[in-house]
Protein backbone atom coordinates (compact mmCIF):
# COMPACT_ATOMS: atom_id res chain seq x y z
CA MET A 1 93.46 119.46 100.44
CA CYS A 2 96.45 121.58 99.52
CA LYS A 3 94.15 124.46 98.58
CA LYS A 4 92.38 124.22 101.93
CA LEU A 5 95.68 124.04 103.83
CA LEU A 6 97.11 127.02 101.98
CA SER A 7 93.94 129.07 102.53
CA HIS A 8 94.77 129.61 106.22
CA GLN A 9 96.22 133.10 106.66
CA SER A 10 98.77 132.50 109.41
CA ASN A 11 102.24 131.08 109.95
CA ASP A 12 102.87 127.49 108.86
CA THR A 13 102.49 125.96 112.33
CA GLU A 14 99.19 127.72 113.03
CA ALA A 15 97.90 126.92 109.53
CA LEU A 16 98.66 123.21 109.95
CA THR A 17 97.12 123.17 113.45
CA THR A 18 93.95 124.86 112.19
CA PHE A 19 93.81 122.55 109.18
CA LEU A 20 94.14 119.40 111.32
CA SER A 21 91.60 120.74 113.77
CA ASP A 22 89.15 121.31 110.90
CA MET A 23 89.82 117.88 109.45
CA PHE A 24 89.33 116.09 112.77
CA TRP A 25 86.32 118.23 113.85
CA LEU A 26 88.09 119.73 116.83
CA ARG A 27 86.82 123.23 116.07
CA ASP A 28 84.88 123.55 119.33
CA THR A 29 87.52 122.15 121.68
CA LYS A 30 90.93 123.11 122.93
CA TYR A 31 93.10 120.27 121.65
CA ASP A 32 96.68 120.57 122.84
CA ALA A 33 97.78 116.92 122.93
CA CYS A 34 99.87 115.33 120.22
CA ILE A 35 98.37 112.55 118.13
CA ASP A 36 100.41 109.34 118.25
CA LEU A 37 100.32 107.92 114.73
CA SER A 38 102.64 104.96 115.38
CA TYR A 39 101.65 101.46 114.30
CA GLU A 40 101.29 100.35 117.94
CA SER A 41 99.00 103.27 118.73
CA THR A 42 96.88 102.58 115.65
CA LYS A 43 96.64 98.89 116.56
CA ASN A 44 95.67 99.74 120.16
CA PHE A 45 93.08 102.25 118.93
CA PHE A 46 91.28 99.63 116.82
CA ALA A 47 91.69 96.95 119.52
CA GLN A 48 89.48 99.04 121.84
CA ASP A 49 85.89 100.11 121.28
CA ASN A 50 86.50 103.72 120.25
CA TYR A 51 83.15 105.14 119.16
CA GLY A 52 82.44 102.20 116.87
CA MET A 53 85.79 102.41 115.09
CA ARG A 54 86.68 98.81 116.04
CA GLN A 55 83.49 97.59 114.37
CA TRP A 56 84.02 99.80 111.32
CA TYR A 57 87.57 98.58 110.87
CA TYR A 58 86.35 94.98 111.17
CA GLN A 59 84.05 95.70 108.23
CA THR A 60 86.99 96.95 106.18
CA CYS A 61 88.81 93.69 106.95
CA SER A 62 85.83 91.40 106.40
CA GLU A 63 83.65 93.15 103.79
CA PHE A 64 84.84 96.41 102.26
CA GLY A 65 88.58 96.71 101.81
CA TRP A 66 89.22 100.11 100.22
CA TYR A 67 92.33 101.04 102.13
CA THR A 68 93.91 104.41 101.47
CA THR A 69 97.51 103.63 100.63
CA THR A 70 100.47 105.69 99.49
CA ALA A 71 101.68 102.99 97.11
CA THR A 72 101.44 104.64 93.72
CA ARG A 73 103.35 104.93 90.50
CA TYR A 74 103.20 108.72 90.76
CA HIS A 75 105.49 110.89 92.86
CA HIS A 76 104.12 110.95 96.37
CA PRO A 77 105.68 112.66 99.40
CA PHE A 78 105.09 109.56 101.55
CA ALA A 79 106.50 107.11 98.96
CA SER A 80 105.16 103.65 99.75
CA GLN A 81 105.18 103.92 103.54
CA VAL A 82 101.51 102.96 103.86
CA SER A 83 101.02 99.93 101.65
CA LEU A 84 98.12 97.51 101.30
CA GLY A 85 100.20 95.08 103.36
CA PHE A 86 100.14 97.59 106.24
CA PHE A 87 96.34 97.36 106.45
CA GLN A 88 96.26 93.60 105.97
CA GLN A 89 98.76 93.19 108.81
CA LEU A 90 96.70 95.56 110.96
CA CYS A 91 93.64 93.33 110.39
CA ARG A 92 95.64 90.32 111.59
CA ASP A 93 97.10 92.15 114.59
CA VAL A 94 93.81 93.66 115.75
CA TYR A 95 91.52 90.65 115.18
CA ASN A 96 93.26 87.39 114.29
CA ASN A 97 95.53 85.69 111.80
CA SER A 98 92.65 84.53 109.59
CA PHE A 99 92.73 87.89 107.77
CA THR A 100 95.11 87.02 104.96
CA SER A 101 95.24 88.96 101.71
CA ASP A 102 93.28 86.10 100.08
CA THR A 103 90.51 86.01 102.71
CA ILE A 104 90.17 89.80 102.67
CA SER A 105 89.97 89.84 98.86
CA SER A 106 87.45 86.99 98.84
CA SER A 107 85.27 88.75 101.43
CA ILE A 108 85.29 91.98 99.43
CA ASN A 109 84.29 90.10 96.27
CA GLN A 110 81.47 88.39 98.17
CA THR A 111 80.19 91.73 99.49
CA ASN A 112 80.24 93.27 96.00
CA ALA A 113 78.49 90.22 94.51
CA TYR A 114 75.74 90.36 97.13
CA PHE A 115 75.12 94.12 97.25
CA GLY A 116 76.30 95.19 93.82
CA ASN A 117 78.85 97.92 93.39
CA THR A 118 78.62 101.70 93.23
CA ILE A 119 78.98 101.82 89.46
CA ASN A 120 76.02 99.48 88.97
CA TRP A 121 73.93 101.51 91.41
CA ALA A 122 74.72 104.72 89.57
CA LEU A 123 73.96 103.21 86.16
CA ALA A 124 70.72 101.67 87.31
CA ASN A 125 69.69 104.83 89.15
CA ASN A 126 68.30 102.31 91.61
CA TYR A 127 68.46 104.25 94.86
CA GLU A 128 65.19 106.09 95.41
CA THR A 129 65.22 105.09 99.09
CA THR A 130 68.85 106.12 99.67
CA PHE A 131 70.35 109.56 100.10
CA PHE A 132 74.09 109.95 99.51
CA THR A 133 76.09 112.75 101.10
CA HIS A 134 79.82 113.15 100.62
CA GLY A 135 82.34 115.64 101.88
CA GLN A 136 84.17 117.08 98.88
CA LEU A 137 87.49 116.40 100.63
CA ASP A 138 86.56 112.83 101.61
CA PRO A 139 88.80 110.21 99.94
CA TRP A 140 85.94 107.68 100.37
CA ARG A 141 83.77 109.81 98.08
CA ALA A 142 85.36 108.04 95.10
CA VAL A 143 83.52 104.80 95.93
CA GLY A 144 80.15 106.49 96.41
CA VAL A 145 77.46 107.55 93.99
CA GLN A 146 78.42 111.01 92.73
CA ASN A 147 75.43 112.15 90.69
CA GLY A 148 71.69 112.04 91.00
CA SER A 149 68.76 113.72 92.69
CA ASN A 150 69.57 112.03 96.01
CA VAL A 151 73.26 112.96 96.04
CA ILE A 152 74.96 115.98 97.62
CA VAL A 153 78.70 116.70 97.69
CA ILE A 154 79.44 119.19 100.46
CA PRO A 155 82.23 121.67 99.65
CA GLY A 156 85.08 121.97 102.14
CA TYR A 157 84.26 118.92 104.28
CA SER A 158 85.67 115.45 104.73
CA HIS A 159 84.48 112.07 105.95
CA CYS A 160 81.33 111.84 108.15
CA ALA A 161 81.24 115.56 108.94
CA ASP A 162 77.57 115.61 107.94
CA LEU A 163 76.43 113.14 110.62
CA GLY A 164 76.03 115.70 113.40
CA SER A 165 73.15 118.00 114.24
CA ILE A 166 72.55 121.41 112.74
CA ASN A 167 75.37 123.62 113.96
CA LEU A 168 75.78 127.36 113.46
CA ASN A 169 79.54 126.84 113.11
CA ASP A 170 78.96 124.73 109.98
CA SER A 171 78.74 126.20 106.51
CA VAL A 172 75.42 127.08 104.92
CA GLU A 173 75.95 124.20 102.44
CA MET A 174 76.41 121.74 105.33
CA ASN A 175 73.30 122.88 107.17
CA VAL A 176 71.21 122.87 103.99
CA THR A 177 72.40 119.31 103.35
CA LYS A 178 71.36 118.26 106.86
CA LEU A 179 67.92 119.81 106.34
CA LYS A 180 67.51 118.04 102.98
CA VAL A 181 68.47 114.70 104.54
CA ALA A 182 66.02 115.27 107.41
CA HIS A 183 63.26 116.08 104.90
CA PHE A 184 64.14 112.98 102.85
CA LEU A 185 64.02 110.77 105.96
CA ASN A 186 60.72 112.26 107.16
CA ARG A 187 59.17 111.61 103.76
CA ALA A 188 60.63 108.09 103.51
CA LEU A 189 59.51 107.10 107.01
CA ARG A 190 55.91 108.19 106.58
CA THR A 191 53.70 105.15 106.17
CA PRO A 192 50.63 105.31 103.99
CA GLU A 193 47.40 105.34 105.93
CA ASN A 194 45.22 102.26 105.53
């Protein structure tokens, strides 16, 4: 991400604005408002139905986990401001008090036991009917399958950027990925004639 941020040829303020706009897919809009990143704003965001984000966050509390924290043994500019406890508390505040660290951990273990985990999928090469796309800059990429004939890592993009339609403003790599996914889906959805 540092390389992408530093690649913008402008003053620091403009570079950061362009970088954030790219990261949050605001390339085609004029976005002049500030983003409130307070705990209350985050809680209110997930408490409402914002484009399916409430449902997605419920899945992180009840099935997935995988919270991006800043708690690390390495030097980090944000120290431990965003800990695992932050996300566990957010689950309780947005949904209800039943989301304890134990219930969240148990739910994640149950999900992994039922569906298997990414490492087992990759080793078994057992995903002929699944196509994996990842943005190279996506922190969630680490929990996805990284190699195989049905896997594409898209340079310069982050999370979910590949879910939109073909767009001339996207990179060639992004549009080629979208075409490959469309071809894969067309082939997978064809039913054999009887």
